[in-house]
C-alpha atoms as a PDB file:
ATOM      1  CA  MET A   1       0.015   0.013  -0.016  1.00  0.00           C
ATOM      2  CA  LYS A   2       2.852   2.446   0.725  1.00  0.00           C
ATOM      3  CA  LEU A   3       4.399   1.808  -2.652  1.00  0.00           C
ATOM      4  CA  PHE A   4       1.106   2.474  -4.384  1.00  0.00           C
ATOM      5  CA  LYS A   5       0.853   5.824  -2.599  1.00  0.00           C
ATOM      6  CA  LEU A   6       4.491   6.657  -3.506  1.00  0.00           C
ATOM      7  CA  ILE A   7       3.742   6.007  -7.100  1.00  0.00           C
ATOM      8  CA  GLY A   8       0.702   8.299  -6.864  1.00  0.00           C
ATOM      9  CA  LEU A   9       2.789  10.996  -5.258  1.00  0.00           C
ATOM     10  CA  ALA A  10       5.493  10.722  -7.942  1.00  0.00           C
ATOM     11  CA  ALA A  11       2.926  10.855 -10.731  1.00  0.00           C
ATOM     12  CA  PHE A  12       1.285  13.919  -9.106  1.00  0.00           C
ATOM     13  CA  PHE A  13       4.564  15.835  -8.959  1.00  0.00           C
ATOM     14  CA  ILE A  14       5.581  14.817 -12.485  1.00  0.00           C
ATOM     15  CA  ALA A  15       2.272  16.222 -13.679  1.00  0.00           C
ATOM     16  CA  LEU A  16       2.862  19.400 -11.717  1.00  0.00           C
ATOM     17  CA  GLY A  17       6.237  19.843 -13.376  1.00  0.00           C
ATOM     18  CA  MET A  18       4.718  19.212 -16.742  1.00  0.00           C
ATOM     19  CA  LEU A  19       2.055  21.865 -15.963  1.00  0.00           C
ATOM     20  CA  ILE A  20       4.800  24.435 -15.440  1.00  0.00           C
ATOM     21  CA  MET A  21       6.327  23.200 -18.750  1.00  0.00           C
ATOM     22  CA  LEU A  22       2.993  23.854 -20.392  1.00  0.00           C
ATOM     23  CA  PHE A  23       3.124  27.526 -19.514  1.00  0.00           C
ATOM     24  CA  LEU A  24       6.505  27.842 -21.092  1.00  0.00           C
ATOM     25  CA  THR A  25       5.742  25.944 -24.333  1.00  0.00           C
ATOM     26  CA  SER A  26       2.130  25.085 -25.243  1.00  0.00           C
ATOM     27  CA  ARG A  27       1.840  21.520 -26.529  1.00  0.00           C
ATOM     28  CA  LEU A  28      -1.288  19.445 -26.759  1.00  0.00           C
ATOM     29  CA  MET A  29       0.461  16.188 -25.901  1.00  0.00           C
ATOM     30  CA  GLY A  30       1.779  17.727 -22.733  1.00  0.00           C
ATOM     31  CA  LEU A  31      -1.744  18.608 -21.755  1.00  0.00           C
ATOM     32  CA  PHE A  32      -2.972  15.013 -22.198  1.00  0.00           C
ATOM     33  CA  LEU A  33      -0.007  13.686 -20.190  1.00  0.00           C
ATOM     34  CA  ILE A  34      -0.689  16.152 -17.437  1.00  0.00           C
ATOM     35  CA  ALA A  35      -4.332  15.154 -17.217  1.00  0.00           C
ATOM     36  CA  LEU A  36      -3.445  11.487 -17.237  1.00  0.00           C
ATOM     37  CA  LEU A  37      -0.792  11.773 -14.496  1.00  0.00           C
ATOM     38  CA  LEU A  38      -2.927  13.974 -12.344  1.00  0.00           C
ATOM     39  CA  LEU A  39      -5.722  11.393 -12.544  1.00  0.00           C
ATOM     40  CA  LEU A  40      -3.369   8.572 -11.813  1.00  0.00           C
ATOM     41  CA  GLY A  41      -1.756  10.399  -8.878  1.00  0.00           C
ATOM     42  CA  TYR A  42      -5.161  11.313  -7.398  1.00  0.00           C
ATOM     43  CA  CYS A  43      -6.405   7.706  -7.721  1.00  0.00           C
ATOM     44  CA  CYS A  44      -3.277   6.251  -6.166  1.00  0.00           C
ATOM     45  CA  LEU A  45      -3.135   8.713  -3.280  1.00  0.00           C
ATOM     46  CA  CYS A  46      -6.815   8.583  -2.351  1.00  0.00           C
ATOM     47  CA  SER A  47      -7.493   4.858  -2.755  1.00  0.00           C
ATOM     48  CA  ASP A  48      -7.435   2.467   0.190  1.00  0.00           C
ATOM     49  CA  LEU A  49      -6.027  -0.545  -1.625  1.00  0.00           C
END
């Protein structure tokens, strides 16, 4: 369970870094990856598996 939360935390912060990258250079693929990683991070952090 701790590893699952760690993966979620890592995915969340990767998405946060990509969000900052989006403000510097606008790319549609970056936006999709941000949304995917934010969703993955939220699901991993907030689940009770």
